[in-house]
Amino acid sequence: EMASGGAAASGTDVCVAITGLAGPEGGTDRKPVGLVYMACCIQGNVA
């Protein structure tokens, strides 16, 4: 949603989004420090 929303908000063909836990605090067993999700929206298609 960050990637698709960023593309819509800025009116660009491509938007790359990153969200993650860089630490050193904030990690859990389910979501440890170092877990990062990134998405690329290109003309409506999101990877």
ModelCIF file with pLDDT and N, C-alpha, C, O atoms, coordinates in Angstrom:
data_MODEL
#
_entry.id   MODEL 
#
_entity.id                         1 
_entity.type                       polymer 
_entity.pdbx_number_of_molecules   1 
#
_entity_poly.entity_id                      1 
_entity_poly.type                           'polypeptide(L)' 
_entity_poly.nstd_linkage                   no 
_entity_poly.nstd_monomer                   no 
_entity_poly.pdbx_seq_one_letter_code       EMASGGAAASGTDVCVAITGLAGPEGGTDRKPVGLVYMACCIQGNVA 
_entity_poly.pdbx_seq_one_letter_code_can   EMASGGAAASGTDVCVAITGLAGPEGGTDRKPVGLVYMACCIQGNVA 
_entity_poly.pdbx_strand_id                 A 
#
loop_
_entity_poly_seq.entity_id 
_entity_poly_seq.num 
_entity_poly_seq.mon_id 
_entity_poly_seq.hetero 
1 1  GLU n 
1 2  MET n 
1 3  ALA n 
1 4  SER n 
1 5  GLY n 
1 6  GLY n 
1 7  ALA n 
1 8  ALA n 
1 9  ALA n 
1 10 SER n 
1 11 GLY n 
1 12 THR n 
1 13 ASP n 
1 14 VAL n 
1 15 CYS n 
1 16 VAL n 
1 17 ALA n 
1 18 ILE n 
1 19 THR n 
1 20 GLY n 
1 21 LEU n 
1 22 ALA n 
1 23 GLY n 
1 24 PRO n 
1 25 GLU n 
1 26 GLY n 
1 27 GLY n 
1 28 THR n 
1 29 ASP n 
1 30 ARG n 
1 31 LYS n 
1 32 PRO n 
1 33 VAL n 
1 34 GLY n 
1 35 LEU n 
1 36 VAL n 
1 37 TYR n 
1 38 MET n 
1 39 ALA n 
1 40 CYS n 
1 41 CYS n 
1 42 ILE n 
1 43 GLN n 
1 44 GLY n 
1 45 ASN n 
1 46 VAL n 
1 47 ALA n 
#
_struct_asym.id          A 
_struct_asym.entity_id   1 
#
loop_
_ma_qa_metric.id 
_ma_qa_metric.mode 
_ma_qa_metric.name 
_ma_qa_metric.software_group_id 
_ma_qa_metric.type 
1 global pLDDT . pLDDT 
2 local  pLDDT . pLDDT 
#
_ma_qa_metric_global.metric_id      1 
_ma_qa_metric_global.metric_value   97.34 
_ma_qa_metric_global.model_id       1 
_ma_qa_metric_global.ordinal_id     1 
#
loop_
_ma_qa_metric_local.label_asym_id 
_ma_qa_metric_local.label_comp_id 
_ma_qa_metric_local.label_seq_id 
_ma_qa_metric_local.metric_id 
_ma_qa_metric_local.metric_value 
_ma_qa_metric_local.model_id 
_ma_qa_metric_local.ordinal_id 
A GLU 1  2 98.00 1 1  
A MET 2  2 98.00 1 2  
A ALA 3  2 98.00 1 3  
A SER 4  2 98.00 1 4  
A GLY 5  2 98.00 1 5  
A GLY 6  2 98.00 1 6  
A ALA 7  2 98.00 1 7  
A ALA 8  2 98.00 1 8  
A ALA 9  2 98.00 1 9  
A SER 10 2 98.00 1 10 
A GLY 11 2 98.00 1 11 
A THR 12 2 98.00 1 12 
A ASP 13 2 98.00 1 13 
A VAL 14 2 98.00 1 14 
A CYS 15 2 98.00 1 15 
A VAL 16 2 98.00 1 16 
A ALA 17 2 98.00 1 17 
A ILE 18 2 98.00 1 18 
A THR 19 2 98.00 1 19 
A GLY 20 2 98.00 1 20 
A LEU 21 2 98.00 1 21 
A ALA 22 2 98.00 1 22 
A GLY 23 2 96.00 1 23 
A PRO 24 2 96.00 1 24 
A GLU 25 2 95.00 1 25 
A GLY 26 2 93.00 1 26 
A GLY 27 2 95.00 1 27 
A THR 28 2 96.00 1 28 
A ASP 29 2 95.00 1 29 
A ARG 30 2 95.00 1 30 
A LYS 31 2 97.00 1 31 
A PRO 32 2 97.00 1 32 
A VAL 33 2 98.00 1 33 
A GLY 34 2 98.00 1 34 
A LEU 35 2 98.00 1 35 
A VAL 36 2 98.00 1 36 
A TYR 37 2 98.00 1 37 
A MET 38 2 98.00 1 38 
A ALA 39 2 98.00 1 39 
A CYS 40 2 98.00 1 40 
A CYS 41 2 98.00 1 41 
A ILE 42 2 98.00 1 42 
A GLN 43 2 96.00 1 43 
A GLY 44 2 95.00 1 44 
A ASN 45 2 97.00 1 45 
A VAL 46 2 98.00 1 46 
A ALA 47 2 98.00 1 47 
#
loop_
_atom_site.group_PDB 
_atom_site.id 
_atom_site.type_symbol 
_atom_site.label_atom_id 
_atom_site.label_alt_id 
_atom_site.label_comp_id 
_atom_site.label_asym_id 
_atom_site.label_entity_id 
_atom_site.label_seq_id 
_atom_site.pdbx_PDB_ins_code 
_atom_site.Cartn_x 
_atom_site.Cartn_y 
_atom_site.Cartn_z 
_atom_site.occupancy 
_atom_site.B_iso_or_equiv 
_atom_site.pdbx_formal_charge 
_atom_site.auth_seq_id 
_atom_site.auth_comp_id 
_atom_site.auth_asym_id 
_atom_site.auth_atom_id 
_atom_site.pdbx_PDB_model_num 
ATOM 1   N N  . GLU A 1 1  ? 0.815  -1.207  0.000   1.00 98.00 ? 1  GLU A N  1 
ATOM 2   C CA . GLU A 1 1  ? 0.000  0.000   0.000   1.00 98.00 ? 1  GLU A CA 1 
ATOM 3   C C  . GLU A 1 1  ? 0.853  1.263   0.000   1.00 98.00 ? 1  GLU A C  1 
ATOM 4   O O  . GLU A 1 1  ? 0.444  2.283   -0.555  1.00 98.00 ? 1  GLU A O  1 
ATOM 5   N N  . MET A 1 2  ? 2.013  1.211   0.603   1.00 98.00 ? 2  MET A N  1 
ATOM 6   C CA . MET A 1 2  ? 2.941  2.355   0.557   1.00 98.00 ? 2  MET A CA 1 
ATOM 7   C C  . MET A 1 2  ? 3.389  2.624   -0.877  1.00 98.00 ? 2  MET A C  1 
ATOM 8   O O  . MET A 1 2  ? 3.435  3.774   -1.313  1.00 98.00 ? 2  MET A O  1 
ATOM 9   N N  . ALA A 1 3  ? 3.717  1.559   -1.609  1.00 98.00 ? 3  ALA A N  1 
ATOM 10  C CA . ALA A 1 3  ? 4.214  1.721   -2.977  1.00 98.00 ? 3  ALA A CA 1 
ATOM 11  C C  . ALA A 1 3  ? 3.119  2.220   -3.913  1.00 98.00 ? 3  ALA A C  1 
ATOM 12  O O  . ALA A 1 3  ? 3.328  3.164   -4.675  1.00 98.00 ? 3  ALA A O  1 
ATOM 13  N N  . SER A 1 4  ? 1.952  1.584   -3.852  1.00 98.00 ? 4  SER A N  1 
ATOM 14  C CA . SER A 1 4  ? 0.864  2.009   -4.742  1.00 98.00 ? 4  SER A CA 1 
ATOM 15  C C  . SER A 1 4  ? 0.347  3.387   -4.347  1.00 98.00 ? 4  SER A C  1 
ATOM 16  O O  . SER A 1 4  ? 0.012  4.199   -5.209  1.00 98.00 ? 4  SER A O  1 
ATOM 17  N N  . GLY A 1 5  ? 0.283  3.650   -3.039  1.00 98.00 ? 5  GLY A N  1 
ATOM 18  C CA . GLY A 1 5  ? -0.162 4.963   -2.585  1.00 98.00 ? 5  GLY A CA 1 
ATOM 19  C C  . GLY A 1 5  ? 0.832  6.056   -2.916  1.00 98.00 ? 5  GLY A C  1 
ATOM 20  O O  . GLY A 1 5  ? 0.442  7.179   -3.233  1.00 98.00 ? 5  GLY A O  1 
ATOM 21  N N  . GLY A 1 6  ? 2.122  5.735   -2.844  1.00 98.00 ? 6  GLY A N  1 
ATOM 22  C CA . GLY A 1 6  ? 3.155  6.713   -3.185  1.00 98.00 ? 6  GLY A CA 1 
ATOM 23  C C  . GLY A 1 6  ? 3.117  7.084   -4.651  1.00 98.00 ? 6  GLY A C  1 
ATOM 24  O O  . GLY A 1 6  ? 3.282  8.251   -5.008  1.00 98.00 ? 6  GLY A O  1 
ATOM 25  N N  . ALA A 1 7  ? 2.895  6.078   -5.516  1.00 98.00 ? 7  ALA A N  1 
ATOM 26  C CA . ALA A 1 7  ? 2.794  6.342   -6.953  1.00 98.00 ? 7  ALA A CA 1 
ATOM 27  C C  . ALA A 1 7  ? 1.593  7.232   -7.253  1.00 98.00 ? 7  ALA A C  1 
ATOM 28  O O  . ALA A 1 7  ? 1.673  8.148   -8.072  1.00 98.00 ? 7  ALA A O  1 
ATOM 29  N N  . ALA A 1 8  ? 0.470  6.949   -6.575  1.00 98.00 ? 8  ALA A N  1 
ATOM 30  C CA . ALA A 1 8  ? -0.737 7.744   -6.799  1.00 98.00 ? 8  ALA A CA 1 
ATOM 31  C C  . ALA A 1 8  ? -0.565 9.168   -6.276  1.00 98.00 ? 8  ALA A C  1 
ATOM 32  O O  . ALA A 1 8  ? -0.976 10.128  -6.929  1.00 98.00 ? 8  ALA A O  1 
ATOM 33  N N  . ALA A 1 9  ? 0.043  9.301   -5.094  1.00 98.00 ? 9  ALA A N  1 
ATOM 34  C CA . ALA A 1 9  ? 0.206  10.623  -4.487  1.00 98.00 ? 9  ALA A CA 1 
ATOM 35  C C  . ALA A 1 9  ? 1.143  11.512  -5.286  1.00 98.00 ? 9  ALA A C  1 
ATOM 36  O O  . ALA A 1 9  ? 0.930  12.722  -5.372  1.00 98.00 ? 9  ALA A O  1 
ATOM 37  N N  . SER A 1 10 ? 2.178  10.924  -5.872  1.00 98.00 ? 10 SER A N  1 
ATOM 38  C CA . SER A 1 10 ? 3.170  11.725  -6.599  1.00 98.00 ? 10 SER A CA 1 
ATOM 39  C C  . SER A 1 10 ? 2.929  11.747  -8.097  1.00 98.00 ? 10 SER A C  1 
ATOM 40  O O  . SER A 1 10 ? 3.544  12.535  -8.815  1.00 98.00 ? 10 SER A O  1 
ATOM 41  N N  . GLY A 1 11 ? 2.033  10.882  -8.576  1.00 98.00 ? 11 GLY A N  1 
ATOM 42  C CA . GLY A 1 11 ? 1.743  10.837  -10.003 1.00 98.00 ? 11 GLY A CA 1 
ATOM 43  C C  . GLY A 1 11 ? 2.874  10.289  -10.838 1.00 98.00 ? 11 GLY A C  1 
ATOM 44  O O  . GLY A 1 11 ? 3.077  10.715  -11.975 1.00 98.00 ? 11 GLY A O  1 
ATOM 45  N N  . THR A 1 12 ? 3.622  9.337   -10.276 1.00 98.00 ? 12 THR A N  1 
ATOM 46  C CA . THR A 1 12 ? 4.765  8.769   -10.998 1.00 98.00 ? 12 THR A CA 1 
ATOM 47  C C  . THR A 1 12 ? 4.450  7.380   -11.537 1.00 98.00 ? 12 THR A C  1 
ATOM 48  O O  . THR A 1 12 ? 3.522  6.712   -11.082 1.00 98.00 ? 12 THR A O  1 
ATOM 49  N N  . ASP A 1 13 ? 5.246  6.964   -12.518 1.00 98.00 ? 13 ASP A N  1 
ATOM 50  C CA . ASP A 1 13 ? 5.092  5.621   -13.087 1.00 98.00 ? 13 ASP A CA 1 
ATOM 51  C C  . ASP A 1 13 ? 5.559  4.549   -12.120 1.00 98.00 ? 13 ASP A C  1 
ATOM 52  O O  . ASP A 1 13 ? 5.026  3.439   -12.094 1.00 98.00 ? 13 ASP A O  1 
ATOM 53  N N  . VAL A 1 14 ? 6.562  4.896   -11.325 1.00 98.00 ? 14 VAL A N  1 
ATOM 54  C CA . VAL A 1 14 ? 7.193  3.936   -10.429 1.00 98.00 ? 14 VAL A CA 1 
ATOM 55  C C  . VAL A 1 14 ? 7.259  4.523   -9.026  1.00 98.00 ? 14 VAL A C  1 
ATOM 56  O O  . VAL A 1 14 ? 7.517  5.714   -8.857  1.00 98.00 ? 14 VAL A O  1 
ATOM 57  N N  . CYS A 1 15 ? 7.027  3.693   -8.031  1.00 98.00 ? 15 CYS A N  1 
ATOM 58  C CA . CYS A 1 15 ? 7.297  4.093   -6.647  1.00 98.00 ? 15 CYS A CA 1 
ATOM 59  C C  . CYS A 1 15 ? 7.872  2.892   -5.921  1.00 98.00 ? 15 CYS A C  1 
ATOM 60  O O  . CYS A 1 15 ? 7.317  1.794   -5.983  1.00 98.00 ? 15 CYS A O  1 
ATOM 61  N N  . VAL A 1 16 ? 8.991  3.103   -5.229  1.00 98.00 ? 16 VAL A N  1 
ATOM 62  C CA . VAL A 1 16 ? 9.580  2.045   -4.425  1.00 98.00 ? 16 VAL A CA 1 
ATOM 63  C C  . VAL A 1 16 ? 9.378  2.407   -2.958  1.00 98.00 ? 16 VAL A C  1 
ATOM 64  O O  . VAL A 1 16 ? 9.610  3.547   -2.555  1.00 98.00 ? 16 VAL A O  1 
ATOM 65  N N  . ALA A 1 17 ? 8.941  1.424   -2.158  1.00 98.00 ? 17 ALA A N  1 
ATOM 66  C CA . ALA A 1 17 ? 8.632  1.650   -0.749  1.00 98.00 ? 17 ALA A CA 1 
ATOM 67  C C  . ALA A 1 17 ? 9.408  0.675   0.121   1.00 98.00 ? 17 ALA A C  1 
ATOM 68  O O  . ALA A 1 17 ? 9.650  -0.466  -0.272  1.00 98.00 ? 17 ALA A O  1 
ATOM 69  N N  . ILE A 1 18 ? 9.800  1.137   1.317   1.00 98.00 ? 18 ILE A N  1 
ATOM 70  C CA . ILE A 1 18 ? 10.551 0.308   2.260   1.00 98.00 ? 18 ILE A CA 1 
ATOM 71  C C  . ILE A 1 18 ? 9.979  0.500   3.656   1.00 98.00 ? 18 ILE A C  1 
ATOM 72  O O  . ILE A 1 18 ? 9.736  1.626   4.092   1.00 98.00 ? 18 ILE A O  1 
ATOM 73  N N  . THR A 1 19 ? 9.769  -0.597  4.341   1.00 98.00 ? 19 THR A N  1 
ATOM 74  C CA . THR A 1 19 ? 9.378  -0.554  5.750   1.00 98.00 ? 19 THR A CA 1 
ATOM 75  C C  . THR A 1 19 ? 10.047 -1.722  6.455   1.00 98.00 ? 19 THR A C  1 
ATOM 76  O O  . THR A 1 19 ? 10.008 -2.847  5.957   1.00 98.00 ? 19 THR A O  1 
ATOM 77  N N  . GLY A 1 20 ? 10.657 -1.474  7.604   1.00 98.00 ? 20 GLY A N  1 
ATOM 78  C CA . GLY A 1 20 ? 11.377 -2.554  8.259   1.00 98.00 ? 20 GLY A CA 1 
ATOM 79  C C  . GLY A 1 20 ? 11.804 -2.208  9.663   1.00 98.00 ? 20 GLY A C  1 
ATOM 80  O O  . GLY A 1 20 ? 11.500 -1.132  10.178  1.00 98.00 ? 20 GLY A O  1 
ATOM 81  N N  . LEU A 1 21 ? 12.516 -3.139  10.276  1.00 98.00 ? 21 LEU A N  1 
ATOM 82  C CA . LEU A 1 21 ? 13.029 -2.987  11.639  1.00 98.00 ? 21 LEU A CA 1 
ATOM 83  C C  . LEU A 1 21 ? 14.550 -2.925  11.579  1.00 98.00 ? 21 LEU A C  1 
ATOM 84  O O  . LEU A 1 21 ? 15.214 -3.951  11.430  1.00 98.00 ? 21 LEU A O  1 
ATOM 85  N N  . ALA A 1 22 ? 15.097 -1.714  11.695  1.00 98.00 ? 22 ALA A N  1 
ATOM 86  C CA . ALA A 1 22 ? 16.541 -1.539  11.611  1.00 98.00 ? 22 ALA A CA 1 
ATOM 87  C C  . ALA A 1 22 ? 17.231 -1.748  12.948  1.00 98.00 ? 22 ALA A C  1 
ATOM 88  O O  . ALA A 1 22 ? 18.451 -1.906  12.993  1.00 98.00 ? 22 ALA A O  1 
ATOM 89  N N  . GLY A 1 23 ? 16.465 -1.753  14.049  1.00 96.00 ? 23 GLY A N  1 
ATOM 90  C CA . GLY A 1 23 ? 17.021 -2.019  15.368  1.00 96.00 ? 23 GLY A CA 1 
ATOM 91  C C  . GLY A 1 23 ? 17.787 -0.844  15.962  1.00 96.00 ? 23 GLY A C  1 
ATOM 92  O O  . GLY A 1 23 ? 17.730 0.265   15.431  1.00 96.00 ? 23 GLY A O  1 
ATOM 93  N N  . PRO A 1 24 ? 18.491 -1.074  17.039  1.00 96.00 ? 24 PRO A N  1 
ATOM 94  C CA . PRO A 1 24 ? 18.640 -2.383  17.699  1.00 96.00 ? 24 PRO A CA 1 
ATOM 95  C C  . PRO A 1 24 ? 17.433 -2.821  18.535  1.00 96.00 ? 24 PRO A C  1 
ATOM 96  O O  . PRO A 1 24 ? 17.313 -3.993  18.893  1.00 96.00 ? 24 PRO A O  1 
ATOM 97  N N  . GLU A 1 25 ? 16.526 -1.856  18.849  1.00 95.00 ? 25 GLU A N  1 
ATOM 98  C CA . GLU A 1 25 ? 15.339 -2.234  19.610  1.00 95.00 ? 25 GLU A CA 1 
ATOM 99  C C  . GLU A 1 25 ? 14.171 -2.500  18.666  1.00 95.00 ? 25 GLU A C  1 
ATOM 100 O O  . GLU A 1 25 ? 14.249 -2.238  17.466  1.00 95.00 ? 25 GLU A O  1 
ATOM 101 N N  . GLY A 1 26 ? 13.093 -3.021  19.233  1.00 93.00 ? 26 GLY A N  1 
ATOM 102 C CA . GLY A 1 26 ? 11.847 -3.142  18.493  1.00 93.00 ? 26 GLY A CA 1 
ATOM 103 C C  . GLY A 1 26 ? 11.566 -4.496  17.896  1.00 93.00 ? 26 GLY A C  1 
ATOM 104 O O  . GLY A 1 26 ? 10.464 -4.727  17.400  1.00 93.00 ? 26 GLY A O  1 
ATOM 105 N N  . GLY A 1 27 ? 12.523 -5.399  17.925  1.00 95.00 ? 27 GLY A N  1 
ATOM 106 C CA . GLY A 1 27 ? 12.312 -6.709  17.324  1.00 95.00 ? 27 GLY A CA 1 
ATOM 107 C C  . GLY A 1 27 ? 11.553 -7.661  18.239  1.00 95.00 ? 27 GLY A C  1 
ATOM 108 O O  . GLY A 1 27 ? 11.576 -7.513  19.460  1.00 95.00 ? 27 GLY A O  1 
ATOM 109 N N  . THR A 1 28 ? 10.883 -8.633  17.642  1.00 96.00 ? 28 THR A N  1 
ATOM 110 C CA . THR A 1 28 ? 10.191 -9.692  18.378  1.00 96.00 ? 28 THR A CA 1 
ATOM 111 C C  . THR A 1 28 ? 10.549 -11.027 17.732  1.00 96.00 ? 28 THR A C  1 
ATOM 112 O O  . THR A 1 28 ? 11.226 -11.068 16.704  1.00 96.00 ? 28 THR A O  1 
ATOM 113 N N  . ASP A 1 29 ? 10.090 -12.115 18.343  1.00 95.00 ? 29 ASP A N  1 
ATOM 114 C CA . ASP A 1 29 ? 10.341 -13.432 17.757  1.00 95.00 ? 29 ASP A CA 1 
ATOM 115 C C  . ASP A 1 29 ? 9.702  -13.540 16.376  1.00 95.00 ? 29 ASP A C  1 
ATOM 116 O O  . ASP A 1 29 ? 10.271 -14.141 15.466  1.00 95.00 ? 29 ASP A O  1 
ATOM 117 N N  . ARG A 1 30 ? 8.512  -12.951 16.227  1.00 95.00 ? 30 ARG A N  1 
ATOM 118 C CA . ARG A 1 30 ? 7.800  -13.038 14.947  1.00 95.00 ? 30 ARG A CA 1 
ATOM 119 C C  . ARG A 1 30 ? 8.348  -12.057 13.929  1.00 95.00 ? 30 ARG A C  1 
ATOM 120 O O  . ARG A 1 30 ? 8.391  -12.340 12.732  1.00 95.00 ? 30 ARG A O  1 
ATOM 121 N N  . LYS A 1 31 ? 8.768  -10.893 14.423  1.00 97.00 ? 31 LYS A N  1 
ATOM 122 C CA . LYS A 1 31 ? 9.335  -9.863  13.543  1.00 97.00 ? 31 LYS A CA 1 
ATOM 123 C C  . LYS A 1 31 ? 10.659 -9.396  14.135  1.00 97.00 ? 31 LYS A C  1 
ATOM 124 O O  . LYS A 1 31 ? 10.699 -8.416  14.878  1.00 97.00 ? 31 LYS A O  1 
ATOM 125 N N  . PRO A 1 32 ? 11.741 -10.094 13.806  1.00 97.00 ? 32 PRO A N  1 
ATOM 126 C CA . PRO A 1 32 ? 13.044 -9.761  14.388  1.00 97.00 ? 32 PRO A CA 1 
ATOM 127 C C  . PRO A 1 32 ? 13.675 -8.530  13.734  1.00 97.00 ? 32 PRO A C  1 
ATOM 128 O O  . PRO A 1 32 ? 13.294 -8.119  12.638  1.00 97.00 ? 32 PRO A O  1 
ATOM 129 N N  . VAL A 1 33 ? 14.646 -7.960  14.439  1.00 98.00 ? 33 VAL A N  1 
ATOM 130 C CA . VAL A 1 33 ? 15.432 -6.863  13.860  1.00 98.00 ? 33 VAL A CA 1 
ATOM 131 C C  . VAL A 1 33 ? 16.091 -7.364  12.574  1.00 98.00 ? 33 VAL A C  1 
ATOM 132 O O  . VAL A 1 33 ? 16.640 -8.465  12.538  1.00 98.00 ? 33 VAL A O  1 
ATOM 133 N N  . GLY A 1 34 ? 16.032 -6.565  11.544  1.00 98.00 ? 34 GLY A N  1 
ATOM 134 C CA . GLY A 1 34 ? 16.580 -6.946  10.244  1.00 98.00 ? 34 GLY A CA 1 
ATOM 135 C C  . GLY A 1 34 ? 15.526 -7.342  9.244   1.00 98.00 ? 34 GLY A C  1 
ATOM 136 O O  . GLY A 1 34 ? 15.809 -7.477  8.054   1.00 98.00 ? 34 GLY A O  1 
ATOM 137 N N  . LEU A 1 35 ? 14.277 -7.534  9.734   1.00 98.00 ? 35 LEU A N  1 
ATOM 138 C CA . LEU A 1 35 ? 13.182 -7.850  8.825   1.00 98.00 ? 35 LEU A CA 1 
ATOM 139 C C  . LEU A 1 35 ? 12.789 -6.586  8.053   1.00 98.00 ? 35 LEU A C  1 
ATOM 140 O O  . LEU A 1 35 ? 12.439 -5.569  8.652   1.00 98.00 ? 35 LEU A O  1 
ATOM 141 N N  . VAL A 1 36 ? 12.849 -6.656  6.749   1.00 98.00 ? 36 VAL A N  1 
ATOM 142 C CA . VAL A 1 36 ? 12.517 -5.509  5.897   1.00 98.00 ? 36 VAL A CA 1 
ATOM 143 C C  . VAL A 1 36 ? 11.646 -5.975  4.739   1.00 98.00 ? 36 VAL A C  1 
ATOM 144 O O  . VAL A 1 36 ? 11.946 -6.964  4.070   1.00 98.00 ? 36 VAL A O  1 
ATOM 145 N N  . TYR A 1 37 ? 10.564 -5.242  4.521   1.00 98.00 ? 37 TYR A N  1 
ATOM 146 C CA . TYR A 1 37 ? 9.724  -5.455  3.341   1.00 98.00 ? 37 TYR A CA 1 
ATOM 147 C C  . TYR A 1 37 ? 9.909  -4.269  2.408   1.00 98.00 ? 37 TYR A C  1 
ATOM 148 O O  . TYR A 1 37 ? 9.953  -3.118  2.843   1.00 98.00 ? 37 TYR A O  1 
ATOM 149 N N  . MET A 1 38 ? 10.014 -4.563  1.135   1.00 98.00 ? 38 MET A N  1 
ATOM 150 C CA . MET A 1 38 ? 10.071 -3.479  0.147   1.00 98.00 ? 38 MET A CA 1 
ATOM 151 C C  . MET A 1 38 ? 9.183  -3.847  -1.030  1.00 98.00 ? 38 MET A C  1 
ATOM 152 O O  . MET A 1 38 ? 9.054  -5.015  -1.396  1.00 98.00 ? 38 MET A O  1 
ATOM 153 N N  . ALA A 1 39 ? 8.583  -2.838  -1.606  1.00 98.00 ? 39 ALA A N  1 
ATOM 154 C CA . ALA A 1 39 ? 7.662  -3.046  -2.719  1.00 98.00 ? 39 ALA A CA 1 
ATOM 155 C C  . ALA A 1 39 ? 7.946  -2.036  -3.811  1.00 98.00 ? 39 ALA A C  1 
ATOM 156 O O  . ALA A 1 39 ? 8.338  -0.899  -3.547  1.00 98.00 ? 39 ALA A O  1 
ATOM 157 N N  . CYS A 1 40 ? 7.741  -2.471  -5.040  1.00 98.00 ? 40 CYS A N  1 
ATOM 158 C CA . CYS A 1 40 ? 7.893  -1.572  -6.185  1.00 98.00 ? 40 CYS A CA 1 
ATOM 159 C C  . CYS A 1 40 ? 6.609  -1.611  -6.997  1.00 98.00 ? 40 CYS A C  1 
ATOM 160 O O  . CYS A 1 40 ? 6.195  -2.665  -7.480  1.00 98.00 ? 40 CYS A O  1 
ATOM 161 N N  . CYS A 1 41 ? 5.992  -0.462  -7.140  1.00 98.00 ? 41 CYS A N  1 
ATOM 162 C CA . CYS A 1 41 ? 4.787  -0.331  -7.957  1.00 98.00 ? 41 CYS A CA 1 
ATOM 163 C C  . CYS A 1 41 ? 5.191  0.299   -9.282  1.00 98.00 ? 41 CYS A C  1 
ATOM 164 O O  . CYS A 1 41 ? 5.759  1.391   -9.307  1.00 98.00 ? 41 CYS A O  1 
ATOM 165 N N  . ILE A 1 42 ? 4.903  -0.377  -10.369 1.00 98.00 ? 42 ILE A N  1 
ATOM 166 C CA . ILE A 1 42 ? 5.216  0.173   -11.685 1.00 98.00 ? 42 ILE A CA 1 
ATOM 167 C C  . ILE A 1 42 ? 3.968  0.097   -12.562 1.00 98.00 ? 42 ILE A C  1 
ATOM 168 O O  . ILE A 1 42 ? 3.541  -0.972  -12.998 1.00 98.00 ? 42 ILE A O  1 
ATOM 169 N N  . GLN A 1 43 ? 3.420  1.251   -12.794 1.00 96.00 ? 43 GLN A N  1 
ATOM 170 C CA . GLN A 1 43 ? 2.190  1.404   -13.581 1.00 96.00 ? 43 GLN A CA 1 
ATOM 171 C C  . GLN A 1 43 ? 1.103  0.432   -13.127 1.00 96.00 ? 43 GLN A C  1 
ATOM 172 O O  . GLN A 1 43 ? 0.490  -0.264  -13.935 1.00 96.00 ? 43 GLN A O  1 
ATOM 173 N N  . GLY A 1 44 ? 0.882  0.404   -11.809 1.00 95.00 ? 44 GLY A N  1 
ATOM 174 C CA . GLY A 1 44 ? -0.199 -0.379  -11.220 1.00 95.00 ? 44 GLY A CA 1 
ATOM 175 C C  . GLY A 1 44 ? 0.155  -1.776  -10.789 1.00 95.00 ? 44 GLY A C  1 
ATOM 176 O O  . GLY A 1 44 ? -0.589 -2.381  -10.017 1.00 95.00 ? 44 GLY A O  1 
ATOM 177 N N  . ASN A 1 45 ? 1.272  -2.318  -11.259 1.00 97.00 ? 45 ASN A N  1 
ATOM 178 C CA . ASN A 1 45 ? 1.700  -3.666  -10.865 1.00 97.00 ? 45 ASN A CA 1 
ATOM 179 C C  . ASN A 1 45 ? 2.691  -3.571  -9.695  1.00 97.00 ? 45 ASN A C  1 
ATOM 180 O O  . ASN A 1 45 ? 3.671  -2.829  -9.755  1.00 97.00 ? 45 ASN A O  1 
ATOM 181 N N  . VAL A 1 46 ? 2.416  -4.331  -8.639  1.00 98.00 ? 46 VAL A N  1 
ATOM 182 C CA . VAL A 1 46 ? 3.236  -4.237  -7.429  1.00 98.00 ? 46 VAL A CA 1 
ATOM 183 C C  . VAL A 1 46 ? 3.971  -5.548  -7.165  1.00 98.00 ? 46 VAL A C  1 
ATOM 184 O O  . VAL A 1 46 ? 3.368  -6.620  -7.137  1.00 98.00 ? 46 VAL A O  1 
ATOM 185 N N  . ALA A 1 47 ? 5.291  -5.440  -6.972  1.00 98.00 ? 47 ALA A N  1 
ATOM 186 C CA . ALA A 1 47 ? 6.122  -6.589  -6.581  1.00 98.00 ? 47 ALA A CA 1 
ATOM 187 C C  . ALA A 1 47 ? 6.638  -6.335  -5.169  1.00 98.00 ? 47 ALA A C  1 
ATOM 188 O O  . ALA A 1 47 ? 7.363  -7.164  -4.618  1.00 98.00 ? 47 ALA A O  1 
#
